[in-house]
PDB file of N, CA and C in Angstrom:
ATOM      1  N   LYS A   1     -15.185   5.880  10.654  1.00  0.00           N
ATOM      2  CA  LYS A   1     -14.396   6.996  11.149  1.00  0.00           C
ATOM      3  C   LYS A   1     -12.936   6.767  10.803  1.00  0.00           C
ATOM      4  N   ARG A   2     -12.299   7.758  10.219  1.00  0.00           N
ATOM      5  CA  ARG A   2     -10.907   7.620   9.776  1.00  0.00           C
ATOM      6  C   ARG A   2      -9.902   8.081  10.817  1.00  0.00           C
ATOM      7  N   GLY A   3     -10.239   9.038  11.623  1.00  0.00           N
ATOM      8  CA  GLY A   3      -9.317   9.515  12.650  1.00  0.00           C
ATOM      9  C   GLY A   3      -8.260  10.453  12.099  1.00  0.00           C
ATOM     10  N   ARG A   4      -7.339  10.828  12.959  1.00  0.00           N
ATOM     11  CA  ARG A   4      -6.261  11.745  12.600  1.00  0.00           C
ATOM     12  C   ARG A   4      -5.227  11.066  11.715  1.00  0.00           C
ATOM     13  N   VAL A   5      -4.572  11.855  10.894  1.00  0.00           N
ATOM     14  CA  VAL A   5      -3.475  11.350  10.075  1.00  0.00           C
ATOM     15  C   VAL A   5      -2.213  11.311  10.932  1.00  0.00           C
ATOM     16  N   LEU A   6      -1.545  10.160  10.952  1.00  0.00           N
ATOM     17  CA  LEU A   6      -0.310   9.998  11.718  1.00  0.00           C
ATOM     18  C   LEU A   6       0.928  10.239  10.878  1.00  0.00           C
ATOM     19  N   MET A   7       0.871   9.841   9.604  1.00  0.00           N
ATOM     20  CA  MET A   7       2.026  10.028   8.729  1.00  0.00           C
ATOM     21  C   MET A   7       1.578   9.991   7.284  1.00  0.00           C
ATOM     22  N   GLY A   8       2.419  10.526   6.426  1.00  0.00           N
ATOM     23  CA  GLY A   8       2.150  10.506   5.002  1.00  0.00           C
ATOM     24  C   GLY A   8       3.425  10.274   4.223  1.00  0.00           C
ATOM     25  N   SER A   9       3.260   9.872   2.963  1.00  0.00           N
ATOM     26  CA  SER A   9       4.396   9.654   2.089  1.00  0.00           C
ATOM     27  C   SER A   9       3.977   9.996   0.668  1.00  0.00           C
ATOM     28  N   CYS A  10       4.823  10.746  -0.028  1.00  0.00           N
ATOM     29  CA  CYS A  10       4.507  11.170  -1.394  1.00  0.00           C
ATOM     30  C   CYS A  10       5.401  10.459  -2.395  1.00  0.00           C
ATOM     31  N   GLY A  11       4.771   9.856  -3.391  1.00  0.00           N
ATOM     32  CA  GLY A  11       5.492   9.293  -4.525  1.00  0.00           C
ATOM     33  C   GLY A  11       5.510  10.339  -5.629  1.00  0.00           C
ATOM     34  N   VAL A  12       5.940   9.952  -6.812  1.00  0.00           N
ATOM     35  CA  VAL A  12       5.949  10.886  -7.935  1.00  0.00           C
ATOM     36  C   VAL A  12       4.524  11.200  -8.372  1.00  0.00           C
ATOM     37  N   TRP A  13       3.663  10.188  -8.368  1.00  0.00           N
ATOM     38  CA  TRP A  13       2.307  10.346  -8.902  1.00  0.00           C
ATOM     39  C   TRP A  13       1.213  10.165  -7.866  1.00  0.00           C
ATOM     40  N   HIS A  14       1.534   9.798  -6.650  1.00  0.00           N
ATOM     41  CA  HIS A  14       0.489   9.510  -5.664  1.00  0.00           C
ATOM     42  C   HIS A  14       0.957   9.810  -4.244  1.00  0.00           C
ATOM     43  N   THR A  15      -0.015   9.848  -3.338  1.00  0.00           N
ATOM     44  CA  THR A  15       0.256  10.107  -1.925  1.00  0.00           C
ATOM     45  C   THR A  15      -0.451   9.053  -1.080  1.00  0.00           C
ATOM     46  N   LEU A  16       0.205   8.644   0.004  1.00  0.00           N
ATOM     47  CA  LEU A  16      -0.374   7.713   0.987  1.00  0.00           C
ATOM     48  C   LEU A  16      -0.399   8.392   2.343  1.00  0.00           C
ATOM     49  N   VAL A  17      -1.427   8.119   3.137  1.00  0.00           N
ATOM     50  CA  VAL A  17      -1.433   8.523   4.542  1.00  0.00           C
ATOM     51  C   VAL A  17      -1.902   7.361   5.399  1.00  0.00           C
ATOM     52  N   LEU A  18      -1.460   7.365   6.635  1.00  0.00           N
ATOM     53  CA  LEU A  18      -1.847   6.374   7.632  1.00  0.00           C
ATOM     54  C   LEU A  18      -2.606   7.090   8.734  1.00  0.00           C
ATOM     55  N   THR A  19      -3.780   6.560   9.098  1.00  0.00           N
ATOM     56  CA  THR A  19      -4.574   7.195  10.151  1.00  0.00           C
ATOM     57  C   THR A  19      -4.322   6.525  11.496  1.00  0.00           C
ATOM     58  N   GLU A  20      -4.787   7.170  12.540  1.00  0.00           N
ATOM     59  CA  GLU A  20      -4.608   6.640  13.896  1.00  0.00           C
ATOM     60  C   GLU A  20      -5.294   5.296  14.096  1.00  0.00           C
ATOM     61  N   TYR A  21      -6.244   4.951  13.235  1.00  0.00           N
ATOM     62  CA  TYR A  21      -6.939   3.665  13.329  1.00  0.00           C
ATOM     63  C   TYR A  21      -6.316   2.614  12.415  1.00  0.00           C
ATOM     64  N   GLY A  22      -5.149   2.910  11.858  1.00  0.00           N
ATOM     65  CA  GLY A  22      -4.444   1.938  11.030  1.00  0.00           C
ATOM     66  C   GLY A  22      -4.945   1.840   9.604  1.00  0.00           C
ATOM     67  N   GLN A  23      -5.790   2.776   9.189  1.00  0.00           N
ATOM     68  CA  GLN A  23      -6.266   2.765   7.811  1.00  0.00           C
ATOM     69  C   GLN A  23      -5.249   3.447   6.911  1.00  0.00           C
ATOM     70  N   VAL A  24      -5.117   2.933   5.689  1.00  0.00           N
ATOM     71  CA  VAL A  24      -4.235   3.537   4.705  1.00  0.00           C
ATOM     72  C   VAL A  24      -5.116   4.127   3.609  1.00  0.00           C
ATOM     73  N   LEU A  25      -4.904   5.423   3.348  1.00  0.00           N
ATOM     74  CA  LEU A  25      -5.649   6.129   2.314  1.00  0.00           C
ATOM     75  C   LEU A  25      -4.669   6.568   1.233  1.00  0.00           C
ATOM     76  N   ALA A  26      -5.156   6.604  -0.020  1.00  0.00           N
ATOM     77  CA  ALA A  26      -4.299   6.970  -1.140  1.00  0.00           C
ATOM     78  C   ALA A  26      -5.061   7.855  -2.116  1.00  0.00           C
ATOM     79  N   TRP A  27      -4.314   8.704  -2.830  1.00  0.00           N
ATOM     80  CA  TRP A  27      -4.906   9.490  -3.906  1.00  0.00           C
ATOM     81  C   TRP A  27      -3.810   9.897  -4.878  1.00  0.00           C
ATOM     82  N   GLY A  28      -4.234  10.315  -6.072  1.00  0.00           N
ATOM     83  CA  GLY A  28      -3.300  10.719  -7.115  1.00  0.00           C
ATOM     84  C   GLY A  28      -3.407   9.792  -8.307  1.00  0.00           C
ATOM     85  N   GLY A  29      -2.298   9.641  -9.025  1.00  0.00           N
ATOM     86  CA  GLY A  29      -2.257   8.781 -10.200  1.00  0.00           C
ATOM     87  C   GLY A  29      -2.314   7.309  -9.827  1.00  0.00           C
ATOM     88  N   ASN A  30      -2.819   6.499 -10.772  1.00  0.00           N
ATOM     89  CA  ASN A  30      -2.978   5.070 -10.513  1.00  0.00           C
ATOM     90  C   ASN A  30      -2.578   4.243 -11.734  1.00  0.00           C
ATOM     91  N   GLY A  31      -1.669   4.776 -12.548  1.00  0.00           N
ATOM     92  CA  GLY A  31      -1.275   4.115 -13.782  1.00  0.00           C
ATOM     93  C   GLY A  31      -0.661   2.740 -13.597  1.00  0.00           C
ATOM     94  N   GLN A  32      -0.064   2.485 -12.436  1.00  0.00           N
ATOM     95  CA  GLN A  32       0.520   1.181 -12.127  1.00  0.00           C
ATOM     96  C   GLN A  32      -0.181   0.538 -10.932  1.00  0.00           C
ATOM     97  N   TYR A  33      -1.402   0.960 -10.654  1.00  0.00           N
ATOM     98  CA  TYR A  33      -2.212   0.461  -9.532  1.00  0.00           C
ATOM     99  C   TYR A  33      -1.613   0.817  -8.173  1.00  0.00           C
ATOM    100  N   GLN A  34      -0.843   1.910  -8.108  1.00  0.00           N
ATOM    101  CA  GLN A  34      -0.195   2.283  -6.854  1.00  0.00           C
ATOM    102  C   GLN A  34      -1.163   2.774  -5.783  1.00  0.00           C
ATOM    103  N   LEU A  35      -2.430   3.022  -6.139  1.00  0.00           N
ATOM    104  CA  LEU A  35      -3.417   3.400  -5.120  1.00  0.00           C
ATOM    105  C   LEU A  35      -3.930   2.180  -4.358  1.00  0.00           C
ATOM    106  N   GLY A  36      -3.731   0.991  -4.905  1.00  0.00           N
ATOM    107  CA  GLY A  36      -4.096  -0.228  -4.186  1.00  0.00           C
ATOM    108  C   GLY A  36      -5.572  -0.467  -4.051  1.00  0.00           C
ATOM    109  N   SER A  37      -6.371   0.170  -4.887  1.00  0.00           N
ATOM    110  CA  SER A  37      -7.827   0.011  -4.782  1.00  0.00           C
ATOM    111  C   SER A  37      -8.335  -1.215  -5.515  1.00  0.00           C
ATOM    112  N   GLY A  38      -7.503  -1.784  -6.388  1.00  0.00           N
ATOM    113  CA  GLY A  38      -7.941  -2.901  -7.198  1.00  0.00           C
ATOM    114  C   GLY A  38      -8.782  -2.467  -8.377  1.00  0.00           C
ATOM    115  N   ALA A  39      -9.124  -1.187  -8.411  1.00  0.00           N
ATOM    116  CA  ALA A  39      -9.956  -0.645  -9.491  1.00  0.00           C
ATOM    117  C   ALA A  39      -9.110  -0.426 -10.738  1.00  0.00           C
ATOM    118  N   PRO A  40      -9.768  -0.165 -11.876  1.00  0.00           N
ATOM    119  CA  PRO A  40      -9.004   0.157 -13.090  1.00  0.00           C
ATOM    120  C   PRO A  40      -8.021   1.290 -12.824  1.00  0.00           C
ATOM    121  N   LYS A  41      -7.148   1.541 -13.762  1.00  0.00           N
ATOM    122  CA  LYS A  41      -6.037   2.470 -13.582  1.00  0.00           C
ATOM    123  C   LYS A  41      -6.435   3.934 -13.449  1.00  0.00           C
ATOM    124  N   THR A  42      -7.674   4.196 -13.116  1.00  0.00           N
ATOM    125  CA  THR A  42      -8.144   5.565 -12.938  1.00  0.00           C
ATOM    126  C   THR A  42      -7.628   6.118 -11.617  1.00  0.00           C
ATOM    127  N   GLY A  43      -7.073   7.314 -11.649  1.00  0.00           N
ATOM    128  CA  GLY A  43      -6.592   7.950 -10.432  1.00  0.00           C
ATOM    129  C   GLY A  43      -7.737   8.531  -9.622  1.00  0.00           C
ATOM    130  N   SER A  44      -7.394   9.135  -8.499  1.00  0.00           N
ATOM    131  CA  SER A  44      -8.389   9.740  -7.624  1.00  0.00           C
ATOM    132  C   SER A  44      -7.872  11.083  -7.120  1.00  0.00           C
ATOM    133  N   LEU A  45      -8.729  12.092  -7.163  1.00  0.00           N
ATOM    134  CA  LEU A  45      -8.365  13.416  -6.664  1.00  0.00           C
ATOM    135  C   LEU A  45      -8.629  13.562  -5.169  1.00  0.00           C
ATOM    136  N   THR A  46      -9.311  12.583  -4.594  1.00  0.00           N
ATOM    137  CA  THR A  46      -9.601  12.588  -3.159  1.00  0.00           C
ATOM    138  C   THR A  46      -9.157  11.266  -2.546  1.00  0.00           C
ATOM    139  N   PRO A  47      -8.854  11.240  -1.249  1.00  0.00           N
ATOM    140  CA  PRO A  47      -8.383  10.005  -0.610  1.00  0.00           C
ATOM    141  C   PRO A  47      -9.395   8.865  -0.705  1.00  0.00           C
ATOM    142  N   ILE A  48      -8.868   7.678  -1.035  1.00  0.00           N
ATOM    143  CA  ILE A  48      -9.665   6.446  -1.046  1.00  0.00           C
ATOM    144  C   ILE A  48      -8.970   5.417  -0.168  1.00  0.00           C
ATOM    145  N   LEU A  49      -9.742   4.521   0.394  1.00  0.00           N
ATOM    146  CA  LEU A  49      -9.210   3.476   1.266  1.00  0.00           C
ATOM    147  C   LEU A  49      -8.475   2.428   0.435  1.00  0.00           C
ATOM    148  N   VAL A  50      -7.270   2.068   0.838  1.00  0.00           N
ATOM    149  CA  VAL A  50      -6.512   1.024   0.152  1.00  0.00           C
ATOM    150  C   VAL A  50      -7.167  -0.315   0.466  1.00  0.00           C
ATOM    151  N   SER A  51      -7.470  -1.081  -0.567  1.00  0.00           N
ATOM    152  CA  SER A  51      -8.136  -2.384  -0.411  1.00  0.00           C
ATOM    153  C   SER A  51      -7.261  -3.379   0.335  1.00  0.00           C
ATOM    154  N   ASN A  52      -7.892  -4.263   1.069  1.00  0.00           N
ATOM    155  CA  ASN A  52      -7.232  -5.391   1.740  1.00  0.00           C
ATOM    156  C   ASN A  52      -6.235  -4.995   2.822  1.00  0.00           C
ATOM    157  N   LEU A  53      -6.269  -3.767   3.281  1.00  0.00           N
ATOM    158  CA  LEU A  53      -5.399  -3.391   4.395  1.00  0.00           C
ATOM    159  C   LEU A  53      -6.216  -3.013   5.618  1.00  0.00           C
ATOM    160  N   SER A  54      -7.446  -3.504   5.698  1.00  0.00           N
ATOM    161  CA  SER A  54      -8.225  -3.264   6.903  1.00  0.00           C
ATOM    162  C   SER A  54      -7.880  -4.352   7.908  1.00  0.00           C
ATOM    163  N   ILE A  55      -7.991  -4.023   9.158  1.00  0.00           N
ATOM    164  CA  ILE A  55      -7.568  -4.934  10.218  1.00  0.00           C
ATOM    165  C   ILE A  55      -8.336  -6.250  10.184  1.00  0.00           C
ATOM    166  N   ASP A  56      -9.592  -6.229   9.737  1.00  0.00           N
ATOM    167  CA  ASP A  56     -10.370  -7.464   9.748  1.00  0.00           C
ATOM    168  C   ASP A  56     -10.322  -8.227   8.427  1.00  0.00           C
ATOM    169  N   SER A  57      -9.438  -7.859   7.507  1.00  0.00           N
ATOM    170  CA  SER A  57      -9.337  -8.638   6.279  1.00  0.00           C
ATOM    171  C   SER A  57      -7.973  -9.310   6.209  1.00  0.00           C
ATOM    172  N   LEU A  58      -7.078  -8.765   5.415  1.00  0.00           N
ATOM    173  CA  LEU A  58      -5.781  -9.376   5.158  1.00  0.00           C
ATOM    174  C   LEU A  58      -4.878  -9.441   6.382  1.00  0.00           C
ATOM    175  N   LEU A  59      -4.949  -8.458   7.263  1.00  0.00           N
ATOM    176  CA  LEU A  59      -3.962  -8.338   8.327  1.00  0.00           C
ATOM    177  C   LEU A  59      -4.321  -9.000   9.646  1.00  0.00           C
ATOM    178  N   GLY A  60      -5.564  -9.416   9.813  1.00  0.00           N
ATOM    179  CA  GLY A  60      -5.949  -9.964  11.102  1.00  0.00           C
ATOM    180  C   GLY A  60      -5.834  -8.898  12.170  1.00  0.00           C
ATOM    181  N   ASP A  61      -5.022  -9.126  13.195  1.00  0.00           N
ATOM    182  CA  ASP A  61      -4.882  -8.137  14.269  1.00  0.00           C
ATOM    183  C   ASP A  61      -3.567  -7.364  14.163  1.00  0.00           C
ATOM    184  N   GLN A  62      -3.035  -7.211  12.950  1.00  0.00           N
ATOM    185  CA  GLN A  62      -1.779  -6.504  12.745  1.00  0.00           C
ATOM    186  C   GLN A  62      -2.045  -5.125  12.155  1.00  0.00           C
ATOM    187  N   PRO A  63      -2.197  -4.096  12.959  1.00  0.00           N
ATOM    188  CA  PRO A  63      -2.430  -2.768  12.384  1.00  0.00           C
ATOM    189  C   PRO A  63      -1.210  -2.257  11.634  1.00  0.00           C
ATOM    190  N   VAL A  64      -1.457  -1.472  10.596  1.00  0.00           N
ATOM    191  CA  VAL A  64      -0.379  -0.844   9.837  1.00  0.00           C
ATOM    192  C   VAL A  64       0.247   0.252  10.689  1.00  0.00           C
ATOM    193  N   LYS A  65       1.567   0.316  10.687  1.00  0.00           N
ATOM    194  CA  LYS A  65       2.291   1.306  11.479  1.00  0.00           C
ATOM    195  C   LYS A  65       3.132   2.262  10.633  1.00  0.00           C
ATOM    196  N   LEU A  66       3.351   1.926   9.349  1.00  0.00           N
ATOM    197  CA  LEU A  66       4.196   2.753   8.499  1.00  0.00           C
ATOM    198  C   LEU A  66       3.769   2.589   7.048  1.00  0.00           C
ATOM    199  N   VAL A  67       3.789   3.680   6.279  1.00  0.00           N
ATOM    200  CA  VAL A  67       3.519   3.612   4.844  1.00  0.00           C
ATOM    201  C   VAL A  67       4.642   4.325   4.095  1.00  0.00           C
ATOM    202  N   CYS A  68       4.867   3.902   2.862  1.00  0.00           N
ATOM    203  CA  CYS A  68       5.894   4.505   2.034  1.00  0.00           C
ATOM    204  C   CYS A  68       5.441   4.461   0.584  1.00  0.00           C
ATOM    205  N   ALA A  69       5.553   5.589  -0.111  1.00  0.00           N
ATOM    206  CA  ALA A  69       5.184   5.679  -1.519  1.00  0.00           C
ATOM    207  C   ALA A  69       6.439   5.827  -2.367  1.00  0.00           C
ATOM    208  N   GLY A  70       6.566   4.972  -3.375  1.00  0.00           N
ATOM    209  CA  GLY A  70       7.650   5.095  -4.343  1.00  0.00           C
ATOM    210  C   GLY A  70       7.118   5.758  -5.606  1.00  0.00           C
ATOM    211  N   GLN A  71       7.869   5.688  -6.684  1.00  0.00           N
ATOM    212  CA  GLN A  71       7.429   6.319  -7.929  1.00  0.00           C
ATOM    213  C   GLN A  71       6.123   5.723  -8.424  1.00  0.00           C
ATOM    214  N   THR A  72       6.067   4.401  -8.533  1.00  0.00           N
ATOM    215  CA  THR A  72       4.847   3.744  -9.005  1.00  0.00           C
ATOM    216  C   THR A  72       4.459   2.566  -8.121  1.00  0.00           C
ATOM    217  N   CYS A  73       4.948   2.563  -6.897  1.00  0.00           N
ATOM    218  CA  CYS A  73       4.644   1.469  -5.990  1.00  0.00           C
ATOM    219  C   CYS A  73       4.402   2.010  -4.579  1.00  0.00           C
ATOM    220  N   SER A  74       3.803   1.165  -3.744  1.00  0.00           N
ATOM    221  CA  SER A  74       3.452   1.559  -2.379  1.00  0.00           C
ATOM    222  C   SER A  74       3.748   0.418  -1.428  1.00  0.00           C
ATOM    223  N   PHE A  75       4.019   0.775  -0.172  1.00  0.00           N
ATOM    224  CA  PHE A  75       4.350  -0.222   0.846  1.00  0.00           C
ATOM    225  C   PHE A  75       3.684   0.128   2.165  1.00  0.00           C
ATOM    226  N   ALA A  76       3.378  -0.912   2.940  1.00  0.00           N
ATOM    227  CA  ALA A  76       2.869  -0.742   4.300  1.00  0.00           C
ATOM    228  C   ALA A  76       3.562  -1.769   5.182  1.00  0.00           C
ATOM    229  N   VAL A  77       3.891  -1.372   6.394  1.00  0.00           N
ATOM    230  CA  VAL A  77       4.519  -2.262   7.373  1.00  0.00           C
ATOM    231  C   VAL A  77       3.613  -2.331   8.587  1.00  0.00           C
ATOM    232  N   THR A  78       3.358  -3.552   9.065  1.00  0.00           N
ATOM    233  CA  THR A  78       2.466  -3.735  10.205  1.00  0.00           C
ATOM    234  C   THR A  78       3.231  -3.663  11.522  1.00  0.00           C
ATOM    235  N   ALA A  79       2.495  -3.683  12.609  1.00  0.00           N
ATOM    236  CA  ALA A  79       3.082  -3.635  13.952  1.00  0.00           C
ATOM    237  C   ALA A  79       4.010  -4.811  14.214  1.00  0.00           C
ATOM    238  N   THR A  80       3.779  -5.932  13.541  1.00  0.00           N
ATOM    239  CA  THR A  80       4.629  -7.109  13.736  1.00  0.00           C
ATOM    240  C   THR A  80       5.760  -7.186  12.716  1.00  0.00           C
ATOM    241  N   GLY A  81       5.869  -6.177  11.845  1.00  0.00           N
ATOM    242  CA  GLY A  81       6.949  -6.139  10.872  1.00  0.00           C
ATOM    243  C   GLY A  81       6.635  -6.770   9.528  1.00  0.00           C
ATOM    244  N   ALA A  82       5.404  -7.223   9.328  1.00  0.00           N
ATOM    245  CA  ALA A  82       5.029  -7.778   8.021  1.00  0.00           C
ATOM    246  C   ALA A  82       4.973  -6.644   7.001  1.00  0.00           C
ATOM    247  N   VAL A  83       5.503  -6.894   5.808  1.00  0.00           N
ATOM    248  CA  VAL A  83       5.547  -5.888   4.753  1.00  0.00           C
ATOM    249  C   VAL A  83       4.556  -6.267   3.649  1.00  0.00           C
ATOM    250  N   PHE A  84       3.790  -5.272   3.187  1.00  0.00           N
ATOM    251  CA  PHE A  84       2.846  -5.441   2.093  1.00  0.00           C
ATOM    252  C   PHE A  84       3.194  -4.431   1.014  1.00  0.00           C
ATOM    253  N   SER A  85       3.117  -4.855  -0.252  1.00  0.00           N
ATOM    254  CA  SER A  85       3.455  -3.969  -1.364  1.00  0.00           C
ATOM    255  C   SER A  85       2.406  -4.080  -2.458  1.00  0.00           C
ATOM    256  N   TRP A  86       2.302  -3.001  -3.262  1.00  0.00           N
ATOM    257  CA  TRP A  86       1.378  -2.997  -4.393  1.00  0.00           C
ATOM    258  C   TRP A  86       1.809  -1.921  -5.371  1.00  0.00           C
ATOM    259  N   GLY A  87       1.322  -2.017  -6.595  1.00  0.00           N
ATOM    260  CA  GLY A  87       1.675  -1.065  -7.638  1.00  0.00           C
ATOM    261  C   GLY A  87       2.559  -1.703  -8.687  1.00  0.00           C
ATOM    262  N   GLY A  88       3.383  -0.887  -9.347  1.00  0.00           N
ATOM    263  CA  GLY A  88       4.252  -1.370 -10.410  1.00  0.00           C
ATOM    264  C   GLY A  88       5.504  -2.029  -9.883  1.00  0.00           C
ATOM    265  N   SER A  89       5.985  -3.034 -10.652  1.00  0.00           N
ATOM    266  CA  SER A  89       7.170  -3.778 -10.218  1.00  0.00           C
ATOM    267  C   SER A  89       7.992  -4.257 -11.409  1.00  0.00           C
ATOM    268  N   GLU A  90       8.155  -3.398 -12.406  1.00  0.00           N
ATOM    269  CA  GLU A  90       8.890  -3.800 -13.605  1.00  0.00           C
ATOM    270  C   GLU A  90      10.325  -4.221 -13.309  1.00  0.00           C
ATOM    271  N   LYS A  91      10.907  -3.677 -12.277  1.00  0.00           N
ATOM    272  CA  LYS A  91      12.281  -4.015 -11.895  1.00  0.00           C
ATOM    273  C   LYS A  91      12.322  -4.832 -10.608  1.00  0.00           C
ATOM    274  N   GLY A  92      11.181  -5.376 -10.197  1.00  0.00           N
ATOM    275  CA  GLY A  92      11.135  -6.212  -8.996  1.00  0.00           C
ATOM    276  C   GLY A  92      11.006  -5.449  -7.699  1.00  0.00           C
ATOM    277  N   GLN A  93      10.683  -4.157  -7.762  1.00  0.00           N
ATOM    278  CA  GLN A  93      10.674  -3.343  -6.547  1.00  0.00           C
ATOM    279  C   GLN A  93       9.636  -3.742  -5.515  1.00  0.00           C
ATOM    280  N   LEU A  94       8.611  -4.518  -5.881  1.00  0.00           N
ATOM    281  CA  LEU A  94       7.626  -4.955  -4.897  1.00  0.00           C
ATOM    282  C   LEU A  94       8.136  -6.098  -4.022  1.00  0.00           C
ATOM    283  N   GLY A  95       9.185  -6.766  -4.454  1.00  0.00           N
ATOM    284  CA  GLY A  95       9.727  -7.866  -3.672  1.00  0.00           C
ATOM    285  C   GLY A  95       8.887  -9.123  -3.714  1.00  0.00           C
ATOM    286  N   LEU A  96       8.055  -9.252  -4.736  1.00  0.00           N
ATOM    287  CA  LEU A  96       7.127 -10.389  -4.824  1.00  0.00           C
ATOM    288  C   LEU A  96       7.622 -11.506  -5.722  1.00  0.00           C
ATOM    289  N   GLY A  97       8.797 -11.354  -6.307  1.00  0.00           N
ATOM    290  CA  GLY A  97       9.343 -12.392  -7.177  1.00  0.00           C
ATOM    291  C   GLY A  97       9.569 -11.891  -8.585  1.00  0.00           C
ATOM    292  N   LYS A  98      10.410 -12.588  -9.278  1.00  0.00           N
ATOM    293  CA  LYS A  98      10.870 -12.201 -10.608  1.00  0.00           C
ATOM    294  C   LYS A  98       9.747 -12.065 -11.626  1.00  0.00           C
ATOM    295  N   SER A  99       8.759 -12.930 -11.572  1.00  0.00           N
ATOM    296  CA  SER A  99       7.715 -12.949 -12.597  1.00  0.00           C
ATOM    297  C   SER A  99       6.555 -11.994 -12.301  1.00  0.00           C
ATOM    298  N   ILE A 100       6.562 -11.320 -11.158  1.00  0.00           N
ATOM    299  CA  ILE A 100       5.474 -10.421 -10.795  1.00  0.00           C
ATOM    300  C   ILE A 100       5.796  -9.012 -11.291  1.00  0.00           C
ATOM    301  N   LEU A 101       4.998  -8.507 -12.231  1.00  0.00           N
ATOM    302  CA  LEU A 101       5.234  -7.178 -12.799  1.00  0.00           C
ATOM    303  C   LEU A 101       4.421  -6.096 -12.118  1.00  0.00           C
ATOM    304  N   GLY A 102       3.556  -6.487 -11.205  1.00  0.00           N
ATOM    305  CA  GLY A 102       2.753  -5.512 -10.489  1.00  0.00           C
ATOM    306  C   GLY A 102       1.670  -6.193  -9.681  1.00  0.00           C
ATOM    307  N   SER A 103       1.050  -5.421  -8.804  1.00  0.00           N
ATOM    308  CA  SER A 103      -0.020  -5.935  -7.963  1.00  0.00           C
ATOM    309  C   SER A 103      -1.079  -4.852  -7.812  1.00  0.00           C
ATOM    310  N   LYS A 104      -2.333  -5.192  -8.125  1.00  0.00           N
ATOM    311  CA  LYS A 104      -3.432  -4.225  -8.056  1.00  0.00           C
ATOM    312  C   LYS A 104      -3.835  -3.901  -6.625  1.00  0.00           C
ATOM    313  N   GLN A 105      -3.543  -4.820  -5.712  1.00  0.00           N
ATOM    314  CA  GLN A 105      -3.891  -4.658  -4.304  1.00  0.00           C
ATOM    315  C   GLN A 105      -2.711  -5.096  -3.449  1.00  0.00           C
ATOM    316  N   PRO A 106      -2.692  -4.721  -2.176  1.00  0.00           N
ATOM    317  CA  PRO A 106      -1.580  -5.105  -1.309  1.00  0.00           C
ATOM    318  C   PRO A 106      -1.348  -6.616  -1.277  1.00  0.00           C
ATOM    319  N   SER A 107      -0.071  -6.993  -1.390  1.00  0.00           N
ATOM    320  CA  SER A 107       0.346  -8.395  -1.329  1.00  0.00           C
ATOM    321  C   SER A 107       1.432  -8.522  -0.271  1.00  0.00           C
ATOM    322  N   HIS A 108       1.384  -9.604   0.479  1.00  0.00           N
ATOM    323  CA  HIS A 108       2.364  -9.852   1.537  1.00  0.00           C
ATOM    324  C   HIS A 108       3.722 -10.186   0.912  1.00  0.00           C
ATOM    325  N   VAL A 109       4.760  -9.485   1.339  1.00  0.00           N
ATOM    326  CA  VAL A 109       6.119  -9.749   0.859  1.00  0.00           C
ATOM    327  C   VAL A 109       6.722 -10.828   1.764  1.00  0.00           C
ATOM    328  N   LYS A 110       6.458 -12.075   1.407  1.00  0.00           N
ATOM    329  CA  LYS A 110       6.864 -13.209   2.263  1.00  0.00           C
ATOM    330  C   LYS A 110       8.367 -13.379   2.351  1.00  0.00           C
ATOM    331  N   SER A 111       9.107 -12.887   1.353  1.00  0.00           N
ATOM    332  CA  SER A 111      10.567 -13.028   1.371  1.00  0.00           C
ATOM    333  C   SER A 111      11.203 -12.213   2.495  1.00  0.00           C
ATOM    334  N   LEU A 112      10.454 -11.301   3.109  1.00  0.00           N
ATOM    335  CA  LEU A 112      10.992 -10.497   4.211  1.00  0.00           C
ATOM    336  C   LEU A 112      10.619 -11.031   5.593  1.00  0.00           C
ATOM    337  N   GLU A 113       9.939 -12.175   5.641  1.00  0.00           N
ATOM    338  CA  GLU A 113       9.605 -12.752   6.949  1.00  0.00           C
ATOM    339  C   GLU A 113      10.881 -13.234   7.625  1.00  0.00           C
ATOM    340  N   ASP A 114      10.963 -13.021   8.897  1.00  0.00           N
ATOM    341  CA  ASP A 114      12.103 -13.490   9.713  1.00  0.00           C
ATOM    342  C   ASP A 114      13.447 -12.957   9.229  1.00  0.00           C
ATOM    343  N   VAL A 115      13.451 -11.728   8.727  1.00  0.00           N
ATOM    344  CA  VAL A 115      14.722 -11.130   8.283  1.00  0.00           C
ATOM    345  C   VAL A 115      15.312 -10.343   9.441  1.00  0.00           C
TER     346      VAL A 115
END
């Protein structure tokens, strides 16, 4: 069950929504993996669940409280303030470090811990 949509964010090529159960759904273009599905760069015309952002996987007991879509990247912030990013990062916009050009699935932005 996905529940009601609490918020949404539109990028240039994709859209993200957050449901009342903390699920993040995405659809649209996926040329830089901004949908976060981990799948090949194929886009989706219907909402798909973003990989690794379920409460019982990557986040433990930290539900997502905010989502944001950029041009070719995506972000989620948890209830405890942890930031996760995925998609394109040619200019470092994911915050994952100089050598990271992109992420197919959500990655924890550790440089923002305790900021």
